Amino acid sequence: MGRIGGTDTSPVYATKREELSALGERVRELAASRANISVAYVIPLESSLDYAVPGWTPLGSILETMGVEFAKLDSGDGFWASASWEEPGDFPADLLLIPPTWSDAPELNSPTFTRLPAVVSGQVASVELRTGYSLTGITEQMKRFADVCEKSGKVT
């Protein structure tokens, strides 16, 4: 009789665990070599930009423990901070993380959003911070982050 899933000793699990470990080292090295780069997770809305406080998201909290510097947010609820289209620079960041579900949102074409320094510099990654703590979910999102972070520099 077949089994659903696997154990932590299965070859697939071991491979993913090794891949995530290597990515973790890569992110730690990137964070150390780019200590002056600030990151923000942003959702562009019709009338504002919503920035997520990284500590309440699975990937965001992991990236913080690895030394990634997130933009400081003034969040009233501990989860989100908003900046209206008139004041988008309230939370400046050198690298913006956009959820994949928003990668084709019309709000991404707003002149206010497109003028953000990170956007002008092409330092935007499609990364889902709210992904679960699964090996496959975290590994894929961390790889996307590292690939863009590796090419990013100070723009704010």
N, C-alpha and C. Protein backbone atom coordinates (compact mmCIF):
# COMPACT_ATOMS: atom_id res chain seq x y z
N MET A 1 0.85 -1.17 0.00
CA MET A 1 0.00 0.00 0.00
C MET A 1 0.90 1.23 0.00
N GLY A 2 0.60 2.23 -0.86
CA GLY A 2 1.39 3.45 -0.97
C GLY A 2 1.13 4.41 0.18
N ARG A 3 2.07 5.32 0.36
CA ARG A 3 1.95 6.30 1.44
C ARG A 3 1.89 7.69 0.82
N ILE A 4 1.16 8.54 1.46
CA ILE A 4 1.08 9.94 1.03
C ILE A 4 2.15 10.72 1.77
N GLY A 5 2.86 11.57 1.04
CA GLY A 5 3.87 12.40 1.68
C GLY A 5 5.17 11.65 1.83
N GLY A 6 5.97 12.09 2.74
CA GLY A 6 7.26 11.47 2.96
C GLY A 6 7.75 11.79 4.35
N THR A 7 8.92 11.32 4.65
CA THR A 7 9.52 11.59 5.95
C THR A 7 10.71 12.51 5.77
N ASP A 8 11.22 13.02 6.87
CA ASP A 8 12.37 13.92 6.77
C ASP A 8 13.65 13.18 6.37
N THR A 9 13.58 11.88 6.22
CA THR A 9 14.74 11.13 5.75
C THR A 9 14.62 10.76 4.27
N SER A 10 13.52 11.14 3.63
CA SER A 10 13.36 10.81 2.21
C SER A 10 14.34 11.63 1.37
N PRO A 11 14.77 11.09 0.22
CA PRO A 11 15.74 11.80 -0.63
C PRO A 11 15.24 13.18 -1.08
N VAL A 12 13.97 13.31 -1.38
CA VAL A 12 13.43 14.60 -1.82
C VAL A 12 13.57 15.64 -0.71
N TYR A 13 13.24 15.26 0.50
CA TYR A 13 13.34 16.16 1.64
C TYR A 13 14.79 16.56 1.86
N ALA A 14 15.68 15.60 1.80
CA ALA A 14 17.10 15.89 2.03
C ALA A 14 17.64 16.86 0.98
N THR A 15 17.25 16.68 -0.28
CA THR A 15 17.69 17.57 -1.35
C THR A 15 17.18 18.99 -1.12
N LYS A 16 15.90 19.13 -0.80
CA LYS A 16 15.33 20.46 -0.55
C LYS A 16 15.97 21.11 0.68
N ARG A 17 16.22 20.32 1.70
CA ARG A 17 16.85 20.85 2.91
C ARG A 17 18.24 21.38 2.59
N GLU A 18 19.00 20.66 1.77
CA GLU A 18 20.34 21.11 1.36
C GLU A 18 20.26 22.37 0.52
N GLU A 19 19.28 22.41 -0.39
CA GLU A 19 19.10 23.59 -1.24
C GLU A 19 18.75 24.82 -0.39
N LEU A 20 17.86 24.63 0.57
CA LEU A 20 17.48 25.74 1.45
C LEU A 20 18.65 26.18 2.31
N SER A 21 19.44 25.25 2.77
CA SER A 21 20.61 25.59 3.58
C SER A 21 21.60 26.43 2.77
N ALA A 22 21.84 26.03 1.52
CA ALA A 22 22.75 26.79 0.65
C ALA A 22 22.19 28.18 0.36
N LEU A 23 20.89 28.26 0.13
CA LEU A 23 20.26 29.56 -0.10
C LEU A 23 20.37 30.44 1.14
N GLY A 24 20.22 29.83 2.30
CA GLY A 24 20.34 30.58 3.55
C GLY A 24 21.72 31.21 3.67
N GLU A 25 22.75 30.46 3.33
CA GLU A 25 24.11 31.00 3.36
C GLU A 25 24.26 32.13 2.35
N ARG A 26 23.70 31.94 1.17
CA ARG A 26 23.76 32.98 0.14
C ARG A 26 23.08 34.26 0.61
N VAL A 27 21.91 34.13 1.22
CA VAL A 27 21.19 35.31 1.70
C VAL A 27 21.96 35.99 2.83
N ARG A 28 22.53 35.22 3.74
CA ARG A 28 23.33 35.82 4.83
C ARG A 28 24.52 36.61 4.26
N GLU A 29 25.18 36.05 3.26
CA GLU A 29 26.31 36.74 2.63
C GLU A 29 25.84 38.01 1.91
N LEU A 30 24.71 37.92 1.21
CA LEU A 30 24.17 39.10 0.53
C LEU A 30 23.79 40.18 1.54
N ALA A 31 23.16 39.78 2.62
CA ALA A 31 22.75 40.74 3.65
C ALA A 31 23.96 41.44 4.25
N ALA A 32 25.03 40.70 4.48
CA ALA A 32 26.24 41.28 5.05
C ALA A 32 26.93 42.21 4.06
N SER A 33 26.95 41.83 2.79
CA SER A 33 27.64 42.65 1.80
C SER A 33 26.80 43.83 1.32
N ARG A 34 25.53 43.81 1.62
CA ARG A 34 24.62 44.89 1.21
C ARG A 34 23.88 45.43 2.43
N ALA A 35 24.61 45.66 3.48
CA ALA A 35 24.00 46.12 4.73
C ALA A 35 23.33 47.48 4.59
N ASN A 36 23.69 48.24 3.58
CA ASN A 36 23.11 49.57 3.40
C ASN A 36 21.85 49.54 2.54
N ILE A 37 21.45 48.38 2.06
CA ILE A 37 20.26 48.26 1.21
C ILE A 37 19.04 47.95 2.09
N SER A 38 17.99 48.74 1.90
CA SER A 38 16.76 48.46 2.64
C SER A 38 15.74 47.82 1.70
N VAL A 39 14.97 46.92 2.25
CA VAL A 39 14.00 46.14 1.50
C VAL A 39 12.61 46.47 2.04
N ALA A 40 11.61 46.47 1.16
CA ALA A 40 10.23 46.65 1.59
C ALA A 40 9.32 45.75 0.77
N TYR A 41 8.35 45.17 1.43
CA TYR A 41 7.33 44.36 0.78
C TYR A 41 6.12 45.25 0.60
N VAL A 42 5.73 45.49 -0.66
CA VAL A 42 4.71 46.49 -0.93
C VAL A 42 3.62 45.94 -1.84
N ILE A 43 2.40 46.36 -1.55
CA ILE A 43 1.26 46.06 -2.41
C ILE A 43 0.73 47.40 -2.91
N PRO A 44 0.81 47.66 -4.22
CA PRO A 44 0.29 48.91 -4.75
C PRO A 44 -1.23 48.84 -4.88
N LEU A 45 -1.91 49.77 -4.26
CA LEU A 45 -3.36 49.83 -4.31
C LEU A 45 -3.79 51.04 -5.13
N GLU A 46 -5.07 51.20 -5.33
CA GLU A 46 -5.57 52.29 -6.16
C GLU A 46 -5.19 53.66 -5.61
N SER A 47 -5.23 53.82 -4.29
CA SER A 47 -4.97 55.15 -3.72
C SER A 47 -3.79 55.19 -2.76
N SER A 48 -3.09 54.08 -2.59
CA SER A 48 -1.97 54.07 -1.65
C SER A 48 -1.04 52.89 -1.93
N LEU A 49 0.03 52.86 -1.19
CA LEU A 49 0.94 51.72 -1.19
C LEU A 49 0.86 51.11 0.20
N ASP A 50 0.61 49.83 0.28
CA ASP A 50 0.59 49.14 1.57
C ASP A 50 1.89 48.38 1.74
N TYR A 51 2.58 48.65 2.83
CA TYR A 51 3.84 48.01 3.14
C TYR A 51 3.62 47.02 4.28
N ALA A 52 4.10 45.79 4.12
CA ALA A 52 3.95 44.77 5.15
C ALA A 52 5.11 44.85 6.14
N VAL A 53 4.78 44.74 7.42
CA VAL A 53 5.80 44.61 8.46
C VAL A 53 6.33 43.17 8.31
N PRO A 54 7.61 43.00 8.00
CA PRO A 54 8.11 41.67 7.63
C PRO A 54 8.03 40.62 8.72
N GLY A 55 8.11 41.01 9.97
CA GLY A 55 8.14 40.05 11.06
C GLY A 55 6.91 39.18 11.19
N TRP A 56 5.79 39.60 10.65
CA TRP A 56 4.59 38.77 10.78
C TRP A 56 4.40 37.85 9.60
N THR A 57 5.30 37.86 8.64
CA THR A 57 5.22 36.97 7.48
C THR A 57 6.28 35.89 7.59
N PRO A 58 6.01 34.69 7.16
CA PRO A 58 7.01 33.61 7.28
C PRO A 58 8.35 33.96 6.63
N LEU A 59 8.36 34.32 5.35
CA LEU A 59 9.64 34.60 4.69
C LEU A 59 10.27 35.87 5.23
N GLY A 60 9.46 36.89 5.48
CA GLY A 60 10.01 38.14 6.03
C GLY A 60 10.72 37.93 7.35
N SER A 61 10.13 37.16 8.24
CA SER A 61 10.77 36.92 9.53
C SER A 61 12.06 36.12 9.37
N ILE A 62 12.08 35.17 8.43
CA ILE A 62 13.30 34.40 8.18
C ILE A 62 14.38 35.32 7.61
N LEU A 63 14.03 36.16 6.64
CA LEU A 63 15.01 37.07 6.04
C LEU A 63 15.57 38.02 7.08
N GLU A 64 14.72 38.50 8.00
CA GLU A 64 15.21 39.39 9.07
C GLU A 64 16.25 38.68 9.94
N THR A 65 15.99 37.42 10.28
CA THR A 65 16.95 36.70 11.12
C THR A 65 18.26 36.44 10.39
N MET A 66 18.23 36.51 9.06
CA MET A 66 19.44 36.32 8.26
C MET A 66 20.17 37.62 8.02
N GLY A 67 19.66 38.71 8.58
CA GLY A 67 20.35 39.99 8.48
C GLY A 67 19.86 40.93 7.41
N VAL A 68 18.79 40.57 6.69
CA VAL A 68 18.24 41.46 5.67
C VAL A 68 17.61 42.67 6.36
N GLU A 69 17.96 43.85 5.89
CA GLU A 69 17.47 45.10 6.49
C GLU A 69 16.21 45.55 5.77
N PHE A 70 15.11 45.56 6.49
CA PHE A 70 13.85 46.04 5.93
C PHE A 70 13.65 47.51 6.29
N ALA A 71 12.95 48.24 5.42
CA ALA A 71 12.65 49.65 5.69
C ALA A 71 11.86 49.74 6.99
N LYS A 72 12.15 50.77 7.77
CA LYS A 72 11.44 50.99 9.03
C LYS A 72 10.06 51.55 8.73
N LEU A 73 9.04 50.89 9.26
CA LEU A 73 7.67 51.27 9.00
C LEU A 73 7.00 51.80 10.25
N ASP A 74 6.14 52.77 10.06
CA ASP A 74 5.31 53.30 11.13
C ASP A 74 3.95 52.63 10.99
N SER A 75 3.81 51.48 11.62
CA SER A 75 2.59 50.68 11.48
C SER A 75 1.74 50.79 12.73
N GLY A 76 0.52 51.23 12.55
CA GLY A 76 -0.39 51.35 13.69
C GLY A 76 -0.88 50.01 14.20
N ASP A 77 -1.01 49.03 13.30
CA ASP A 77 -1.55 47.74 13.72
C ASP A 77 -0.50 46.64 13.85
N GLY A 78 0.76 46.95 13.53
CA GLY A 78 1.82 45.96 13.62
C GLY A 78 1.92 45.03 12.43
N PHE A 79 1.05 45.22 11.45
CA PHE A 79 1.05 44.36 10.27
C PHE A 79 1.33 45.14 8.98
N TRP A 80 0.71 46.32 8.85
CA TRP A 80 0.79 47.09 7.62
C TRP A 80 1.06 48.55 7.92
N ALA A 81 1.68 49.22 6.98
CA ALA A 81 1.82 50.68 7.01
C ALA A 81 1.44 51.15 5.61
N SER A 82 0.77 52.28 5.53
CA SER A 82 0.32 52.77 4.23
C SER A 82 0.92 54.13 3.93
N ALA A 83 1.17 54.36 2.66
CA ALA A 83 1.60 55.67 2.17
C ALA A 83 0.68 56.00 1.00
N SER A 84 0.11 57.18 1.01
CA SER A 84 -0.77 57.56 -0.09
C SER A 84 0.06 57.81 -1.33
N TRP A 85 -0.60 57.90 -2.47
CA TRP A 85 0.11 58.15 -3.72
C TRP A 85 0.83 59.49 -3.67
N GLU A 86 0.35 60.42 -2.85
CA GLU A 86 1.00 61.73 -2.75
C GLU A 86 2.28 61.69 -1.93
N GLU A 87 2.45 60.66 -1.13
CA GLU A 87 3.63 60.56 -0.26
C GLU A 87 4.28 59.19 -0.34
N PRO A 88 4.59 58.71 -1.54
CA PRO A 88 5.12 57.34 -1.66
C PRO A 88 6.48 57.15 -1.04
N GLY A 89 7.25 58.22 -0.89
CA GLY A 89 8.59 58.10 -0.34
C GLY A 89 8.63 58.03 1.16
N ASP A 90 7.47 57.94 1.83
CA ASP A 90 7.46 57.84 3.29
C ASP A 90 8.25 56.65 3.80
N PHE A 91 8.29 55.58 3.03
CA PHE A 91 9.02 54.39 3.41
C PHE A 91 9.98 54.02 2.29
N PRO A 92 11.07 54.77 2.15
CA PRO A 92 11.98 54.52 1.03
C PRO A 92 12.66 53.16 1.17
N ALA A 93 12.81 52.50 0.04
CA ALA A 93 13.49 51.20 0.03
C ALA A 93 14.28 51.07 -1.27
N ASP A 94 15.38 50.35 -1.18
CA ASP A 94 16.25 50.13 -2.34
C ASP A 94 15.81 48.92 -3.16
N LEU A 95 15.08 48.02 -2.54
CA LEU A 95 14.59 46.82 -3.20
C LEU A 95 13.15 46.59 -2.77
N LEU A 96 12.25 46.52 -3.73
CA LEU A 96 10.84 46.29 -3.43
C LEU A 96 10.46 44.86 -3.75
N LEU A 97 9.71 44.26 -2.85
CA LEU A 97 9.18 42.92 -3.05
C LEU A 97 7.68 43.07 -3.32
N ILE A 98 7.23 42.55 -4.43
CA ILE A 98 5.83 42.63 -4.83
C ILE A 98 5.26 41.22 -4.85
N PRO A 99 4.07 41.01 -4.29
CA PRO A 99 3.51 39.65 -4.36
C PRO A 99 3.24 39.25 -5.81
N PRO A 100 3.50 37.99 -6.17
CA PRO A 100 3.30 37.54 -7.54
C PRO A 100 1.89 37.79 -8.07
N THR A 101 0.91 37.76 -7.21
CA THR A 101 -0.47 38.00 -7.66
C THR A 101 -0.66 39.44 -8.13
N TRP A 102 0.28 40.34 -7.81
CA TRP A 102 0.19 41.73 -8.22
C TRP A 102 1.16 42.05 -9.34
N SER A 103 1.84 41.06 -9.90
CA SER A 103 2.88 41.33 -10.88
C SER A 103 2.36 41.98 -12.16
N ASP A 104 1.06 41.89 -12.42
CA ASP A 104 0.50 42.55 -13.59
C ASP A 104 -0.61 43.53 -13.21
N ALA A 105 -0.63 43.97 -11.97
CA ALA A 105 -1.67 44.89 -11.50
C ALA A 105 -1.54 46.25 -12.20
N PRO A 106 -2.64 46.85 -12.60
CA PRO A 106 -2.57 48.15 -13.27
C PRO A 106 -1.94 49.22 -12.39
N GLU A 107 -2.03 49.07 -11.08
CA GLU A 107 -1.44 50.05 -10.16
C GLU A 107 0.08 50.12 -10.29
N LEU A 108 0.69 49.08 -10.82
CA LEU A 108 2.14 49.09 -11.01
C LEU A 108 2.57 50.08 -12.09
N ASN A 109 1.60 50.54 -12.89
CA ASN A 109 1.90 51.51 -13.95
C ASN A 109 1.63 52.94 -13.52
N SER A 110 1.21 53.14 -12.29
CA SER A 110 0.95 54.50 -11.81
C SER A 110 2.25 55.31 -11.85
N PRO A 111 2.19 56.55 -12.33
CA PRO A 111 3.40 57.38 -12.37
C PRO A 111 4.07 57.52 -11.01
N THR A 112 3.28 57.56 -9.95
CA THR A 112 3.86 57.68 -8.62
C THR A 112 4.67 56.44 -8.27
N PHE A 113 4.13 55.27 -8.56
CA PHE A 113 4.83 54.03 -8.26
C PHE A 113 6.07 53.89 -9.15
N THR A 114 5.92 54.19 -10.43
CA THR A 114 7.04 54.00 -11.36
C THR A 114 8.18 54.98 -11.11
N ARG A 115 7.93 56.03 -10.33
CA ARG A 115 8.99 56.98 -10.00
C ARG A 115 9.76 56.62 -8.72
N LEU A 116 9.32 55.60 -8.01
CA LEU A 116 10.06 55.18 -6.83
C LEU A 116 11.47 54.75 -7.26
N PRO A 117 12.49 55.15 -6.52
CA PRO A 117 13.87 54.83 -6.92
C PRO A 117 14.12 53.35 -7.20
N ALA A 118 13.55 52.47 -6.39
CA ALA A 118 13.76 51.03 -6.60
C ALA A 118 13.15 50.59 -7.93
N VAL A 119 12.00 51.15 -8.28
CA VAL A 119 11.34 50.78 -9.52
C VAL A 119 12.13 51.32 -10.71
N VAL A 120 12.56 52.58 -10.62
CA VAL A 120 13.36 53.19 -11.69
C VAL A 120 14.62 52.36 -11.94
N SER A 121 15.20 51.83 -10.88
CA SER A 121 16.44 51.05 -10.98
C SER A 121 16.21 49.58 -11.32
N GLY A 122 14.97 49.18 -11.43
CA GLY A 122 14.67 47.78 -11.76
C GLY A 122 14.90 46.83 -10.61
N GLN A 123 14.87 47.35 -9.39
CA GLN A 123 15.12 46.53 -8.21
C GLN A 123 13.80 46.15 -7.56
N VAL A 124 13.06 45.31 -8.29
CA VAL A 124 11.74 44.83 -7.86
C VAL A 124 11.73 43.32 -8.06
N ALA A 125 11.32 42.60 -7.03
CA ALA A 125 11.25 41.14 -7.12
C ALA A 125 9.83 40.67 -6.85
N SER A 126 9.41 39.68 -7.58
CA SER A 126 8.11 39.06 -7.36
C SER A 126 8.30 37.97 -6.31
N VAL A 127 8.01 38.31 -5.06
CA VAL A 127 8.26 37.41 -3.94
C VAL A 127 7.05 37.41 -3.01
N GLU A 128 6.60 36.23 -2.66
CA GLU A 128 5.46 36.10 -1.76
C GLU A 128 5.97 35.89 -0.33
N LEU A 129 5.88 36.93 0.47
CA LEU A 129 6.33 36.80 1.87
C LEU A 129 5.39 35.95 2.70
N ARG A 130 4.15 35.83 2.28
CA ARG A 130 3.18 35.10 3.08
C ARG A 130 3.16 33.61 2.79
N THR A 131 4.12 33.13 2.00
CA THR A 131 4.20 31.70 1.72
C THR A 131 4.34 30.94 3.04
N GLY A 132 3.87 29.73 3.05
CA GLY A 132 3.95 28.95 4.28
C GLY A 132 5.37 28.54 4.61
N TYR A 133 5.51 27.85 5.71
CA TYR A 133 6.82 27.41 6.14
C TYR A 133 7.24 26.09 5.48
N SER A 134 6.67 25.77 4.32
CA SER A 134 7.05 24.54 3.64
C SER A 134 8.42 24.71 2.99
N LEU A 135 9.13 23.62 2.86
CA LEU A 135 10.46 23.66 2.23
C LEU A 135 10.37 24.19 0.81
N THR A 136 9.42 23.70 0.03
CA THR A 136 9.33 24.12 -1.36
C THR A 136 8.92 25.58 -1.47
N GLY A 137 7.96 26.02 -0.66
CA GLY A 137 7.51 27.40 -0.72
C GLY A 137 8.59 28.39 -0.33
N ILE A 138 9.22 28.18 0.79
CA ILE A 138 10.26 29.08 1.28
C ILE A 138 11.47 29.06 0.34
N THR A 139 11.85 27.90 -0.15
CA THR A 139 13.03 27.79 -1.01
C THR A 139 12.84 28.59 -2.29
N GLU A 140 11.70 28.45 -2.95
CA GLU A 140 11.46 29.17 -4.20
C GLU A 140 11.44 30.69 -3.97
N GLN A 141 10.78 31.13 -2.92
CA GLN A 141 10.67 32.57 -2.66
C GLN A 141 12.03 33.15 -2.25
N MET A 142 12.79 32.41 -1.46
CA MET A 142 14.10 32.89 -1.05
C MET A 142 15.05 33.00 -2.25
N LYS A 143 14.93 32.06 -3.19
CA LYS A 143 15.75 32.11 -4.41
C LYS A 143 15.40 33.35 -5.23
N ARG A 144 14.11 33.64 -5.38
CA ARG A 144 13.70 34.85 -6.11
C ARG A 144 14.26 36.10 -5.44
N PHE A 145 14.18 36.14 -4.12
CA PHE A 145 14.72 37.29 -3.39
C PHE A 145 16.22 37.42 -3.64
N ALA A 146 16.95 36.33 -3.46
CA ALA A 146 18.41 36.37 -3.59
C ALA A 146 18.84 36.77 -5.00
N ASP A 147 18.15 36.29 -6.01
CA ASP A 147 18.52 36.61 -7.39
C ASP A 147 18.43 38.12 -7.66
N VAL A 148 17.40 38.77 -7.14
CA VAL A 148 17.26 40.21 -7.36
C VAL A 148 18.17 40.99 -6.40
N CYS A 149 18.27 40.54 -5.17
CA CYS A 149 19.12 41.23 -4.19
C CYS A 149 20.57 41.26 -4.66
N GLU A 150 21.00 40.19 -5.27
CA GLU A 150 22.38 40.07 -5.76
C GLU A 150 22.72 41.17 -6.76
N LYS A 151 21.73 41.64 -7.50
CA LYS A 151 21.94 42.67 -8.53
C LYS A 151 21.57 44.07 -8.05
N SER A 152 21.16 44.20 -6.79
CA SER A 152 20.65 45.47 -6.28
C SER A 152 21.72 46.28 -5.59
N GLY A 153 21.51 47.58 -5.59
CA GLY A 153 22.40 48.51 -4.91
C GLY A 153 21.61 49.61 -4.22
N LYS A 154 22.29 50.50 -3.58
CA LYS A 154 21.67 51.63 -2.86
C LYS A 154 21.12 52.61 -3.87
N VAL A 155 19.81 52.94 -3.76
CA VAL A 155 19.20 53.93 -4.66
C VAL A 155 18.41 55.00 -3.91
N THR A 156 18.26 54.86 -2.60
CA THR A 156 17.50 55.86 -1.83
C THR A 156 18.43 56.73 -1.01
